[in-house]
Amino acid sequence: MRPSIVILATLALSQTACFSLYVPGVRQGNLVTTETIKEVKIGMTRNQVRFVLGTPLISDPFHKDRWDYYYRFKANSEKGTSIREHVIIHFEGDKVARIEQTGVPSEKTVLTDKG
């Protein structure tokens, strides 16, 4: 009777190896959605921008009047969902002069993402 229990246990454990484990998606950087970037206006101060968007991921010592916000999301699924965004805030003195953005998702996209 003992050998049959060992065989059954071995078979049960070997079958669980056939199923993949859930691996959560990887989020890196500052999430800036279209809704939050609309709150940043030309003429806002650095402190106001920091309050709305958070501390920038990169503060380049060679470009003191530029803040870069990067965000990357990579889902570990078969669909291979991937979001990349880059927002650049340009300052003149202490005020926002220009805003550049690429690949910024809407808040709805981020909330419905299964990552």
Protein backbone atom coordinates (compact mmCIF):
# COMPACT_ATOMS: atom_id res chain seq x y z
CA MET A 1 0.00 0.00 0.00
CA ARG A 2 2.92 2.35 0.65
CA PRO A 3 4.29 2.19 -2.92
CA SER A 4 0.88 3.21 -4.35
CA ILE A 5 0.77 6.32 -2.11
CA VAL A 6 4.26 7.31 -3.22
CA ILE A 7 3.34 6.78 -6.88
CA LEU A 8 0.13 8.80 -6.52
CA ALA A 9 1.96 11.62 -4.75
CA THR A 10 4.64 11.66 -7.45
CA LEU A 11 2.03 11.76 -10.21
CA ALA A 12 0.12 14.57 -8.49
CA LEU A 13 3.25 16.66 -8.04
CA SER A 14 4.41 16.08 -11.60
CA GLN A 15 1.04 17.28 -12.96
CA THR A 16 1.29 20.60 -11.12
CA ALA A 17 4.46 21.40 -13.05
CA CYS A 18 2.38 21.54 -16.24
CA PHE A 19 0.56 24.66 -15.08
CA SER A 20 2.25 28.04 -15.31
CA LEU A 21 2.43 30.30 -12.31
CA TYR A 22 1.00 33.80 -12.30
CA VAL A 23 3.74 36.38 -12.70
CA PRO A 24 2.63 39.98 -12.17
CA GLY A 25 3.48 42.69 -14.66
CA VAL A 26 6.44 44.96 -14.04
CA ARG A 27 5.84 48.70 -13.59
CA GLN A 28 8.75 51.12 -13.62
CA GLY A 29 8.93 54.90 -13.38
CA ASN A 30 6.35 57.65 -12.93
CA LEU A 31 2.85 56.91 -14.20
CA VAL A 32 1.56 60.03 -15.96
CA THR A 33 -1.82 59.67 -17.67
CA THR A 34 -3.45 62.05 -20.14
CA GLU A 35 -5.75 63.20 -17.34
CA THR A 36 -2.87 64.16 -15.03
CA ILE A 37 -0.80 65.81 -17.77
CA LYS A 38 -3.79 68.05 -18.58
CA GLU A 39 -3.46 69.49 -15.07
CA VAL A 40 0.02 70.84 -15.88
CA LYS A 41 -0.26 74.29 -17.45
CA ILE A 42 2.25 76.62 -19.05
CA GLY A 43 3.46 79.04 -16.39
CA MET A 44 3.18 76.67 -13.42
CA THR A 45 6.10 76.63 -10.98
CA ARG A 46 8.38 73.64 -10.39
CA ASN A 47 6.74 72.99 -7.02
CA GLN A 48 3.28 72.93 -8.60
CA VAL A 49 4.44 70.46 -11.26
CA ARG A 50 6.05 68.28 -8.60
CA PHE A 51 2.75 68.31 -6.66
CA VAL A 52 0.75 67.19 -9.72
CA LEU A 53 3.17 64.69 -11.33
CA GLY A 54 5.52 63.77 -8.50
CA THR A 55 9.28 63.96 -8.42
CA PRO A 56 10.77 63.43 -11.89
CA LEU A 57 12.54 60.16 -12.51
CA ILE A 58 15.47 61.89 -14.17
CA SER A 59 16.85 65.28 -13.22
CA ASP A 60 19.66 65.83 -15.70
CA PRO A 61 22.52 68.00 -14.36
CA PHE A 62 23.32 69.08 -17.95
CA HIS A 63 19.74 70.24 -18.60
CA LYS A 64 18.61 71.92 -15.38
CA ASP A 65 15.52 73.35 -17.08
CA ARG A 66 14.21 69.94 -18.15
CA TRP A 67 12.43 67.24 -16.17
CA ASP A 68 11.90 63.76 -17.66
CA TYR A 69 9.11 61.45 -16.54
CA TYR A 70 9.48 57.90 -17.86
CA TYR A 71 7.07 55.02 -17.36
CA ARG A 72 7.18 51.45 -18.61
CA PHE A 73 4.75 48.60 -18.04
CA LYS A 74 5.43 45.09 -19.29
CA ALA A 75 2.77 42.49 -18.70
CA ASN A 76 3.96 38.93 -18.28
CA SER A 77 1.19 37.39 -20.31
CA GLU A 78 0.70 35.80 -23.69
CA LYS A 79 -0.67 39.07 -25.10
CA GLY A 80 2.58 40.82 -24.29
CA THR A 81 0.92 44.09 -23.28
CA SER A 82 3.48 46.85 -23.08
CA ILE A 83 3.11 50.55 -22.31
CA ARG A 84 5.93 53.05 -22.71
CA GLU A 85 5.59 56.73 -22.08
CA HIS A 86 7.87 59.71 -21.85
CA VAL A 87 6.88 63.19 -20.70
CA ILE A 88 9.34 66.07 -20.78
CA ILE A 89 8.64 69.31 -18.93
CA HIS A 90 10.76 72.26 -20.09
CA PHE A 91 11.21 75.23 -17.77
CA GLU A 92 12.33 78.79 -18.32
CA GLY A 93 13.49 79.98 -14.93
CA ASP A 94 10.99 78.52 -12.47
CA LYS A 95 7.99 78.36 -14.86
CA VAL A 96 6.81 75.67 -17.29
CA ALA A 97 7.59 76.76 -20.85
CA ARG A 98 6.78 73.63 -22.90
CA ILE A 99 5.44 70.09 -22.46
CA GLU A 100 6.38 67.15 -24.70
CA GLN A 101 4.77 63.73 -24.47
CA THR A 102 4.92 60.40 -26.28
CA GLY A 103 2.84 57.31 -25.66
CA VAL A 104 0.90 58.66 -22.67
CA PRO A 105 -2.01 56.32 -21.86
CA SER A 106 -5.42 57.40 -20.66
CA GLU A 107 -6.43 56.59 -17.12
CA LYS A 108 -9.09 54.19 -18.46
CA THR A 109 -6.37 52.19 -20.28
CA VAL A 110 -4.30 51.92 -17.13
CA LEU A 111 -7.23 50.93 -14.89
CA THR A 112 -8.54 48.25 -17.26
CA ASP A 113 -5.07 46.79 -17.81
CA LYS A 114 -4.77 43.35 -16.22
CA GLY A 115 -1.10 43.77 -15.39
